[in-house]
């Protein structure tokens, strides 16, 4: 399930990639690479709370990279399709 989510996120990032500046793309790519390393470490661990914590850390690193890239391009505005978008704030 996690791999499917990562594939979906990567596909979405590619689709939106043309909308970001090269600097924001670099920030997001670096965060994704770091998250992949952490996720690979988690995959090598036995099932349990420590593995789940590593997977959560990978998710947090990737999300932080996406947020930082978004902030670079749109000063923190959240597009309606992004997680955390609140239609009432328009």
PDB file of N, CA and C in Angstrom:
ATOM      1  N   UNK A   1       0.826  -1.191   0.000  1.00  0.00           N
ATOM      2  CA  UNK A   1       0.000   0.000   0.000  1.00  0.00           C
ATOM      3  C   UNK A   1       0.871   1.256   0.000  1.00  0.00           C
ATOM      4  N   UNK A   2       1.910   1.243   0.809  1.00  0.00           N
ATOM      5  CA  UNK A   2       2.789   2.402   0.894  1.00  0.00           C
ATOM      6  C   UNK A   2       3.485   2.653  -0.439  1.00  0.00           C
ATOM      7  N   UNK A   3       3.924   1.568  -1.087  1.00  0.00           N
ATOM      8  CA  UNK A   3       4.596   1.715  -2.387  1.00  0.00           C
ATOM      9  C   UNK A   3       3.637   2.315  -3.414  1.00  0.00           C
ATOM     10  N   UNK A   4       2.352   1.918  -3.336  1.00  0.00           N
ATOM     11  CA  UNK A   4       1.364   2.455  -4.264  1.00  0.00           C
ATOM     12  C   UNK A   4       1.183   3.955  -4.011  1.00  0.00           C
ATOM     13  N   UNK A   5       1.169   4.342  -2.741  1.00  0.00           N
ATOM     14  CA  UNK A   5       1.036   5.757  -2.397  1.00  0.00           C
ATOM     15  C   UNK A   5       2.226   6.557  -2.917  1.00  0.00           C
ATOM     16  N   UNK A   6       3.415   5.996  -2.761  1.00  0.00           N
ATOM     17  CA  UNK A   6       4.617   6.681  -3.234  1.00  0.00           C
ATOM     18  C   UNK A   6       4.582   6.818  -4.750  1.00  0.00           C
ATOM     19  N   UNK A   7       4.149   5.755  -5.435  1.00  0.00           N
ATOM     20  CA  UNK A   7       4.050   5.818  -6.894  1.00  0.00           C
ATOM     21  C   UNK A   7       3.037   6.880  -7.319  1.00  0.00           C
ATOM     22  N   UNK A   8       1.919   6.942  -6.611  1.00  0.00           N
ATOM     23  CA  UNK A   8       0.904   7.948  -6.922  1.00  0.00           C
ATOM     24  C   UNK A   8       1.443   9.353  -6.663  1.00  0.00           C
ATOM     25  N   UNK A   9       2.146   9.519  -5.569  1.00  0.00           N
ATOM     26  CA  UNK A   9       2.721  10.826  -5.246  1.00  0.00           C
ATOM     27  C   UNK A   9       3.755  11.233  -6.291  1.00  0.00           C
ATOM     28  N   UNK A  10       4.562  10.275  -6.721  1.00  0.00           N
ATOM     29  CA  UNK A  10       5.570  10.580  -7.738  1.00  0.00           C
ATOM     30  C   UNK A  10       4.917  10.960  -9.059  1.00  0.00           C
ATOM     31  N   UNK A  11       3.872  10.237  -9.423  1.00  0.00           N
ATOM     32  CA  UNK A  11       3.152  10.550 -10.656  1.00  0.00           C
ATOM     33  C   UNK A  11       2.517  11.931 -10.566  1.00  0.00           C
ATOM     34  N   UNK A  12       1.929  12.222  -9.429  1.00  0.00           N
ATOM     35  CA  UNK A  12       1.321  13.541  -9.232  1.00  0.00           C
ATOM     36  C   UNK A  12       2.380  14.635  -9.281  1.00  0.00           C
ATOM     37  N   UNK A  13       3.525  14.358  -8.691  1.00  0.00           N
ATOM     38  CA  UNK A  13       4.606  15.341  -8.701  1.00  0.00           C
ATOM     39  C   UNK A  13       5.087  15.602 -10.125  1.00  0.00           C
ATOM     40  N   UNK A  14       5.155  14.553 -10.924  1.00  0.00           N
ATOM     41  CA  UNK A  14       5.553  14.736 -12.318  1.00  0.00           C
ATOM     42  C   UNK A  14       4.536  15.579 -13.068  1.00  0.00           C
ATOM     43  N   UNK A  15       3.271  15.335 -12.805  1.00  0.00           N
ATOM     44  CA  UNK A  15       2.218  16.093 -13.478  1.00  0.00           C
ATOM     45  C   UNK A  15       2.255  17.561 -13.077  1.00  0.00           C
ATOM     46  N   UNK A  16       2.600  17.818 -11.836  1.00  0.00           N
ATOM     47  CA  UNK A  16       2.645  19.193 -11.344  1.00  0.00           C
ATOM     48  C   UNK A  16       4.028  19.816 -11.475  1.00  0.00           C
ATOM     49  N   UNK A  17       5.000  19.006 -11.860  1.00  0.00           N
ATOM     50  CA  UNK A  17       6.378  19.471 -11.917  1.00  0.00           C
ATOM     51  C   UNK A  17       6.575  20.686 -12.791  1.00  0.00           C
ATOM     52  N   UNK A  18       5.836  20.766 -13.864  1.00  0.00           N
ATOM     53  CA  UNK A  18       5.982  21.903 -14.764  1.00  0.00           C
ATOM     54  C   UNK A  18       5.524  23.201 -14.108  1.00  0.00           C
ATOM     55  N   UNK A  19       4.764  23.091 -13.041  1.00  0.00           N
ATOM     56  CA  UNK A  19       4.238  24.272 -12.360  1.00  0.00           C
ATOM     57  C   UNK A  19       5.219  24.834 -11.343  1.00  0.00           C
ATOM     58  N   UNK A  20       6.257  24.089 -10.992  1.00  0.00           N
ATOM     59  CA  UNK A  20       7.178  24.533  -9.964  1.00  0.00           C
ATOM     60  C   UNK A  20       8.446  25.104 -10.574  1.00  0.00           C
ATOM     61  N   UNK A  21       9.077  25.964  -9.822  1.00  0.00           N
ATOM     62  CA  UNK A  21      10.363  26.509 -10.242  1.00  0.00           C
ATOM     63  C   UNK A  21      11.423  25.414 -10.125  1.00  0.00           C
ATOM     64  N   UNK A  22      12.531  25.562 -10.834  1.00  0.00           N
ATOM     65  CA  UNK A  22      13.607  24.572 -10.720  1.00  0.00           C
ATOM     66  C   UNK A  22      14.123  24.430  -9.288  1.00  0.00           C
ATOM     67  N   UNK A  23      14.190  25.528  -8.549  1.00  0.00           N
ATOM     68  CA  UNK A  23      14.668  25.460  -7.163  1.00  0.00           C
ATOM     69  C   UNK A  23      13.705  24.659  -6.296  1.00  0.00           C
ATOM     70  N   UNK A  24      12.409  24.873  -6.484  1.00  0.00           N
ATOM     71  CA  UNK A  24      11.416  24.128  -5.714  1.00  0.00           C
ATOM     72  C   UNK A  24      11.444  22.652  -6.091  1.00  0.00           C
ATOM     73  N   UNK A  25      11.625  22.369  -7.377  1.00  0.00           N
ATOM     74  CA  UNK A  25      11.747  20.977  -7.812  1.00  0.00           C
ATOM     75  C   UNK A  25      12.928  20.301  -7.133  1.00  0.00           C
ATOM     76  N   UNK A  26      14.044  21.015  -7.045  1.00  0.00           N
ATOM     77  CA  UNK A  26      15.244  20.455  -6.427  1.00  0.00           C
ATOM     78  C   UNK A  26      15.003  20.153  -4.953  1.00  0.00           C
ATOM     79  N   UNK A  27      14.361  21.070  -4.256  1.00  0.00           N
ATOM     80  CA  UNK A  27      14.055  20.867  -2.836  1.00  0.00           C
ATOM     81  C   UNK A  27      13.170  19.636  -2.662  1.00  0.00           C
ATOM     82  N   UNK A  28      12.138  19.535  -3.495  1.00  0.00           N
ATOM     83  CA  UNK A  28      11.220  18.405  -3.390  1.00  0.00           C
ATOM     84  C   UNK A  28      11.921  17.097  -3.754  1.00  0.00           C
ATOM     85  N   UNK A  29      12.753  17.114  -4.785  1.00  0.00           N
ATOM     86  CA  UNK A  29      13.481  15.909  -5.187  1.00  0.00           C
ATOM     87  C   UNK A  29      14.431  15.441  -4.089  1.00  0.00           C
ATOM     88  N   UNK A  30      15.103  16.388  -3.438  1.00  0.00           N
ATOM     89  CA  UNK A  30      16.018  16.030  -2.354  1.00  0.00           C
ATOM     90  C   UNK A  30      15.260  15.403  -1.186  1.00  0.00           C
ATOM     91  N   UNK A  31      14.115  15.958  -0.863  1.00  0.00           N
ATOM     92  CA  UNK A  31      13.310  15.406   0.229  1.00  0.00           C
ATOM     93  C   UNK A  31      12.804  14.012  -0.127  1.00  0.00           C
ATOM     94  N   UNK A  32      12.384  13.819  -1.377  1.00  0.00           N
ATOM     95  CA  UNK A  32      11.920  12.499  -1.802  1.00  0.00           C
ATOM     96  C   UNK A  32      13.052  11.482  -1.744  1.00  0.00           C
ATOM     97  N   UNK A  33      14.248  11.881  -2.159  1.00  0.00           N
ATOM     98  CA  UNK A  33      15.393  10.974  -2.111  1.00  0.00           C
ATOM     99  C   UNK A  33      15.723  10.595  -0.670  1.00  0.00           C
ATOM    100  N   UNK A  34      15.680  11.577   0.220  1.00  0.00           N
ATOM    101  CA  UNK A  34      15.945  11.308   1.632  1.00  0.00           C
ATOM    102  C   UNK A  34      14.863  10.393   2.205  1.00  0.00           C
ATOM    103  N   UNK A  35      13.616  10.630   1.837  1.00  0.00           N
ATOM    104  CA  UNK A  35      12.516   9.785   2.311  1.00  0.00           C
ATOM    105  C   UNK A  35      12.656   8.364   1.786  1.00  0.00           C
ATOM    106  N   UNK A  36      13.123   8.217   0.554  1.00  0.00           N
ATOM    107  CA  UNK A  36      13.324   6.881  -0.012  1.00  0.00           C
ATOM    108  C   UNK A  36      14.387   6.108   0.755  1.00  0.00           C
ATOM    109  N   UNK A  37      15.461   6.793   1.152  1.00  0.00           N
ATOM    110  CA  UNK A  37      16.517   6.147   1.933  1.00  0.00           C
ATOM    111  C   UNK A  37      15.957   5.679   3.276  1.00  0.00           C
ATOM    112  N   UNK A  38      15.198   6.534   3.926  1.00  0.00           N
ATOM    113  CA  UNK A  38      14.605   6.178   5.220  1.00  0.00           C
ATOM    114  C   UNK A  38      13.627   5.023   5.047  1.00  0.00           C
ATOM    115  N   UNK A  39      12.845   5.055   3.976  1.00  0.00           N
ATOM    116  CA  UNK A  39      11.882   3.984   3.712  1.00  0.00           C
ATOM    117  C   UNK A  39      12.597   2.664   3.445  1.00  0.00           C
ATOM    118  N   UNK A  40      13.711   2.708   2.717  1.00  0.00           N
ATOM    119  CA  UNK A  40      14.486   1.490   2.473  1.00  0.00           C
ATOM    120  C   UNK A  40      15.023   0.919   3.785  1.00  0.00           C
ATOM    121  N   UNK A  41      15.444   1.803   4.686  1.00  0.00           N
ATOM    122  CA  UNK A  41      15.903   1.351   6.001  1.00  0.00           C
ATOM    123  C   UNK A  41      14.756   0.690   6.757  1.00  0.00           C
ATOM    124  N   UNK A  42      13.576   1.269   6.660  1.00  0.00           N
ATOM    125  CA  UNK A  42      12.406   0.699   7.334  1.00  0.00           C
ATOM    126  C   UNK A  42      12.061  -0.662   6.749  1.00  0.00           C
ATOM    127  N   UNK A  43      12.188  -0.805   5.435  1.00  0.00           N
ATOM    128  CA  UNK A  43      11.882  -2.083   4.796  1.00  0.00           C
ATOM    129  C   UNK A  43      12.787  -3.202   5.296  1.00  0.00           C
ATOM    130  N   UNK A  44      14.002  -2.857   5.699  1.00  0.00           N
ATOM    131  CA  UNK A  44      14.949  -3.854   6.185  1.00  0.00           C
ATOM    132  C   UNK A  44      14.718  -4.224   7.649  1.00  0.00           C
ATOM    133  N   UNK A  45      13.845  -3.509   8.321  1.00  0.00           N
ATOM    134  CA  UNK A  45      13.591  -3.748   9.742  1.00  0.00           C
ATOM    135  C   UNK A  45      12.493  -4.788   9.927  1.00  0.00           C
ATOM    136  N   UNK A  46      12.519  -5.487  11.067  1.00  0.00           N
ATOM    137  CA  UNK A  46      11.411  -6.408  11.362  1.00  0.00           C
ATOM    138  C   UNK A  46      10.135  -5.622  11.664  1.00  0.00           C
ATOM    139  N   UNK A  47       9.004  -6.263  11.441  1.00  0.00           N
ATOM    140  CA  UNK A  47       7.715  -5.619  11.721  1.00  0.00           C
ATOM    141  C   UNK A  47       7.662  -5.185  13.180  1.00  0.00           C
ATOM    142  N   UNK A  48       7.046  -4.064  13.427  1.00  0.00           N
ATOM    143  CA  UNK A  48       6.896  -3.591  14.795  1.00  0.00           C
ATOM    144  C   UNK A  48       6.865  -2.083  14.861  1.00  0.00           C
ATOM    145  N   UNK A  49       6.825  -1.562  16.078  1.00  0.00           N
ATOM    146  CA  UNK A  49       6.711  -0.114  16.270  1.00  0.00           C
ATOM    147  C   UNK A  49       7.892   0.675  15.698  1.00  0.00           C
ATOM    148  N   UNK A  50       9.088   0.113  15.767  1.00  0.00           N
ATOM    149  CA  UNK A  50      10.256   0.834  15.250  1.00  0.00           C
ATOM    150  C   UNK A  50      10.161   0.994  13.735  1.00  0.00           C
ATOM    151  N   UNK A  51       9.704  -0.054  13.063  1.00  0.00           N
ATOM    152  CA  UNK A  51       9.542   0.014  11.607  1.00  0.00           C
ATOM    153  C   UNK A  51       8.475   1.044  11.244  1.00  0.00           C
ATOM    154  N   UNK A  52       7.374   1.025  11.964  1.00  0.00           N
ATOM    155  CA  UNK A  52       6.303   1.992  11.711  1.00  0.00           C
ATOM    156  C   UNK A  52       6.792   3.421  11.943  1.00  0.00           C
ATOM    157  N   UNK A  53       7.615   3.610  12.971  1.00  0.00           N
ATOM    158  CA  UNK A  53       8.158   4.941  13.256  1.00  0.00           C
ATOM    159  C   UNK A  53       9.061   5.411  12.118  1.00  0.00           C
ATOM    160  N   UNK A  54       9.860   4.505  11.562  1.00  0.00           N
ATOM    161  CA  UNK A  54      10.719   4.863  10.429  1.00  0.00           C
ATOM    162  C   UNK A  54       9.886   5.221   9.203  1.00  0.00           C
ATOM    163  N   UNK A  55       8.823   4.455   8.960  1.00  0.00           N
ATOM    164  CA  UNK A  55       7.945   4.753   7.825  1.00  0.00           C
ATOM    165  C   UNK A  55       7.265   6.109   8.018  1.00  0.00           C
ATOM    166  N   UNK A  56       6.853   6.383   9.251  1.00  0.00           N
ATOM    167  CA  UNK A  56       6.245   7.684   9.552  1.00  0.00           C
ATOM    168  C   UNK A  56       7.249   8.819   9.341  1.00  0.00           C
ATOM    169  N   UNK A  57       8.506   8.564   9.724  1.00  0.00           N
ATOM    170  CA  UNK A  57       9.551   9.572   9.538  1.00  0.00           C
ATOM    171  C   UNK A  57       9.758   9.844   8.045  1.00  0.00           C
ATOM    172  N   UNK A  58       9.759   8.772   7.236  1.00  0.00           N
ATOM    173  CA  UNK A  58       9.910   8.941   5.786  1.00  0.00           C
ATOM    174  C   UNK A  58       8.766   9.776   5.224  1.00  0.00           C
ATOM    175  N   UNK A  59       7.553   9.480   5.672  1.00  0.00           N
ATOM    176  CA  UNK A  59       6.386  10.253   5.222  1.00  0.00           C
ATOM    177  C   UNK A  59       6.518  11.722   5.616  1.00  0.00           C
ATOM    178  N   UNK A  60       6.987  11.964   6.841  1.00  0.00           N
ATOM    179  CA  UNK A  60       7.127  13.335   7.333  1.00  0.00           C
ATOM    180  C   UNK A  60       8.191  14.104   6.549  1.00  0.00           C
ATOM    181  N   UNK A  61       9.296  13.440   6.228  1.00  0.00           N
ATOM    182  CA  UNK A  61      10.363  14.086   5.459  1.00  0.00           C
ATOM    183  C   UNK A  61       9.852  14.461   4.074  1.00  0.00           C
ATOM    184  N   UNK A  62       9.136  13.535   3.442  1.00  0.00           N
ATOM    185  CA  UNK A  62       8.605  13.814   2.103  1.00  0.00           C
ATOM    186  C   UNK A  62       7.572  14.945   2.141  1.00  0.00           C
ATOM    187  N   UNK A  63       6.689  14.902   3.127  1.00  0.00           N
ATOM    188  CA  UNK A  63       5.666  15.947   3.249  1.00  0.00           C
ATOM    189  C   UNK A  63       6.302  17.311   3.513  1.00  0.00           C
ATOM    190  N   UNK A  64       7.328  17.336   4.353  1.00  0.00           N
ATOM    191  CA  UNK A  64       8.006  18.600   4.648  1.00  0.00           C
ATOM    192  C   UNK A  64       8.668  19.168   3.395  1.00  0.00           C
ATOM    193  N   UNK A  65       9.242  18.287   2.583  1.00  0.00           N
ATOM    194  CA  UNK A  65       9.849  18.738   1.330  1.00  0.00           C
ATOM    195  C   UNK A  65       8.825  19.314   0.378  1.00  0.00           C
ATOM    196  N   UNK A  66       7.673  18.661   0.300  1.00  0.00           N
ATOM    197  CA  UNK A  66       6.599  19.160  -0.559  1.00  0.00           C
ATOM    198  C   UNK A  66       6.108  20.523  -0.072  1.00  0.00           C
ATOM    199  N   UNK A  67       5.945  20.641   1.238  1.00  0.00           N
ATOM    200  CA  UNK A  67       5.485  21.911   1.804  1.00  0.00           C
ATOM    201  C   UNK A  67       6.496  23.031   1.555  1.00  0.00           C
ATOM    202  N   UNK A  68       7.778  22.709   1.730  1.00  0.00           N
ATOM    203  CA  UNK A  68       8.809  23.723   1.507  1.00  0.00           C
ATOM    204  C   UNK A  68       8.822  24.155   0.039  1.00  0.00           C
ATOM    205  N   UNK A  69       8.697  23.184  -0.872  1.00  0.00           N
ATOM    206  CA  UNK A  69       8.662  23.507  -2.302  1.00  0.00           C
ATOM    207  C   UNK A  69       7.437  24.346  -2.635  1.00  0.00           C
ATOM    208  N   UNK A  70       6.303  23.987  -2.068  1.00  0.00           N
ATOM    209  CA  UNK A  70       5.082  24.764  -2.309  1.00  0.00           C
ATOM    210  C   UNK A  70       5.235  26.191  -1.792  1.00  0.00           C
ATOM    211  N   UNK A  71       5.826  26.321  -0.629  1.00  0.00           N
ATOM    212  CA  UNK A  71       6.015  27.652  -0.045  1.00  0.00           C
ATOM    213  C   UNK A  71       6.953  28.503  -0.897  1.00  0.00           C
ATOM    214  N   UNK A  72       7.933  27.865  -1.528  1.00  0.00           N
ATOM    215  CA  UNK A  72       8.865  28.599  -2.381  1.00  0.00           C
ATOM    216  C   UNK A  72       8.152  29.174  -3.601  1.00  0.00           C
ATOM    217  N   UNK A  73       7.178  28.446  -4.117  1.00  0.00           N
ATOM    218  CA  UNK A  73       6.518  28.852  -5.353  1.00  0.00           C
ATOM    219  C   UNK A  73       5.291  29.722  -5.157  1.00  0.00           C
ATOM    220  N   UNK A  74       4.569  29.497  -4.075  1.00  0.00           N
ATOM    221  CA  UNK A  74       3.310  30.232  -3.948  1.00  0.00           C
ATOM    222  C   UNK A  74       3.138  30.885  -2.590  1.00  0.00           C
ATOM    223  N   UNK A  75       4.241  31.137  -1.921  1.00  0.00           N
ATOM    224  CA  UNK A  75       4.204  31.814  -0.620  1.00  0.00           C
ATOM    225  C   UNK A  75       3.266  31.143   0.364  1.00  0.00           C
ATOM    226  N   UNK A  76       3.200  29.803   0.306  1.00  0.00           N
ATOM    227  CA  UNK A  76       2.414  29.054   1.270  1.00  0.00           C
ATOM    228  C   UNK A  76       0.962  28.867   0.923  1.00  0.00           C
ATOM    229  N   UNK A  77       0.517  29.394  -0.215  1.00  0.00           N
ATOM    230  CA  UNK A  77      -0.873  29.172  -0.599  1.00  0.00           C
ATOM    231  C   UNK A  77      -1.074  27.687  -0.862  1.00  0.00           C
ATOM    232  N   UNK A  78      -2.242  27.187  -0.518  1.00  0.00           N
ATOM    233  CA  UNK A  78      -2.538  25.774  -0.726  1.00  0.00           C
ATOM    234  C   UNK A  78      -3.525  25.651  -1.868  1.00  0.00           C
ATOM    235  N   UNK A  79      -3.133  24.890  -2.868  1.00  0.00           N
ATOM    236  CA  UNK A  79      -4.036  24.644  -3.988  1.00  0.00           C
ATOM    237  C   UNK A  79      -5.179  23.755  -3.522  1.00  0.00           C
ATOM    238  N   UNK A  80      -6.347  23.859  -4.144  1.00  0.00           N
ATOM    239  CA  UNK A  80      -7.493  23.052  -3.723  1.00  0.00           C
ATOM    240  C   UNK A  80      -7.218  21.553  -3.723  1.00  0.00           C
ATOM    241  N   UNK A  81      -6.281  21.099  -4.546  1.00  0.00           N
ATOM    242  CA  UNK A  81      -5.995  19.669  -4.625  1.00  0.00           C
ATOM    243  C   UNK A  81      -5.001  19.203  -3.571  1.00  0.00           C
ATOM    244  N   UNK A  82      -4.374  20.119  -2.842  1.00  0.00           N
ATOM    245  CA  UNK A  82      -3.367  19.747  -1.863  1.00  0.00           C
ATOM    246  C   UNK A  82      -3.997  19.365  -0.533  1.00  0.00           C
ATOM    247  N   UNK A  83      -3.298  18.482   0.174  1.00  0.00           N
ATOM    248  CA  UNK A  83      -3.737  18.084   1.506  1.00  0.00           C
ATOM    249  C   UNK A  83      -3.748  19.320   2.392  1.00  0.00           C
ATOM    250  N   UNK A  84      -4.800  19.492   3.148  1.00  0.00           N
ATOM    251  CA  UNK A  84      -4.897  20.634   4.045  1.00  0.00           C
ATOM    252  C   UNK A  84      -5.656  21.799   3.460  1.00  0.00           C
ATOM    253  N   UNK A  85      -6.105  21.658   2.224  1.00  0.00           N
ATOM    254  CA  UNK A  85      -6.867  22.743   1.602  1.00  0.00           C
ATOM    255  C   UNK A  85      -8.217  22.875   2.291  1.00  0.00           C
ATOM    256  N   UNK A  86      -8.598  24.093   2.570  1.00  0.00           N
ATOM    257  CA  UNK A  86      -9.876  24.363   3.216  1.00  0.00           C
ATOM    258  C   UNK A  86     -10.673  25.307   2.329  1.00  0.00           C
ATOM    259  N   UNK A  87     -11.702  24.784   1.636  1.00  0.00           N
ATOM    260  CA  UNK A  87     -12.473  25.630   0.719  1.00  0.00           C
ATOM    261  C   UNK A  87     -13.123  26.827   1.410  1.00  0.00           C
ATOM    262  N   UNK A  88     -13.343  26.752   2.715  1.00  0.00           N
ATOM    263  CA  UNK A  88     -13.993  27.844   3.439  1.00  0.00           C
ATOM    264  C   UNK A  88     -13.077  29.060   3.572  1.00  0.00           C
ATOM    265  N   UNK A  89     -11.777  28.897   3.355  1.00  0.00           N
ATOM    266  CA  UNK A  89     -10.825  29.997   3.526  1.00  0.00           C
ATOM    267  C   UNK A  89     -10.664  30.841   2.273  1.00  0.00           C
ATOM    268  N   UNK A  90     -11.474  30.654   1.277  1.00  0.00           N
ATOM    269  CA  UNK A  90     -11.338  31.427   0.037  1.00  0.00           C
ATOM    270  C   UNK A  90     -11.978  32.759   0.126  1.00  0.00           C
TER     271      UNK A  90
END
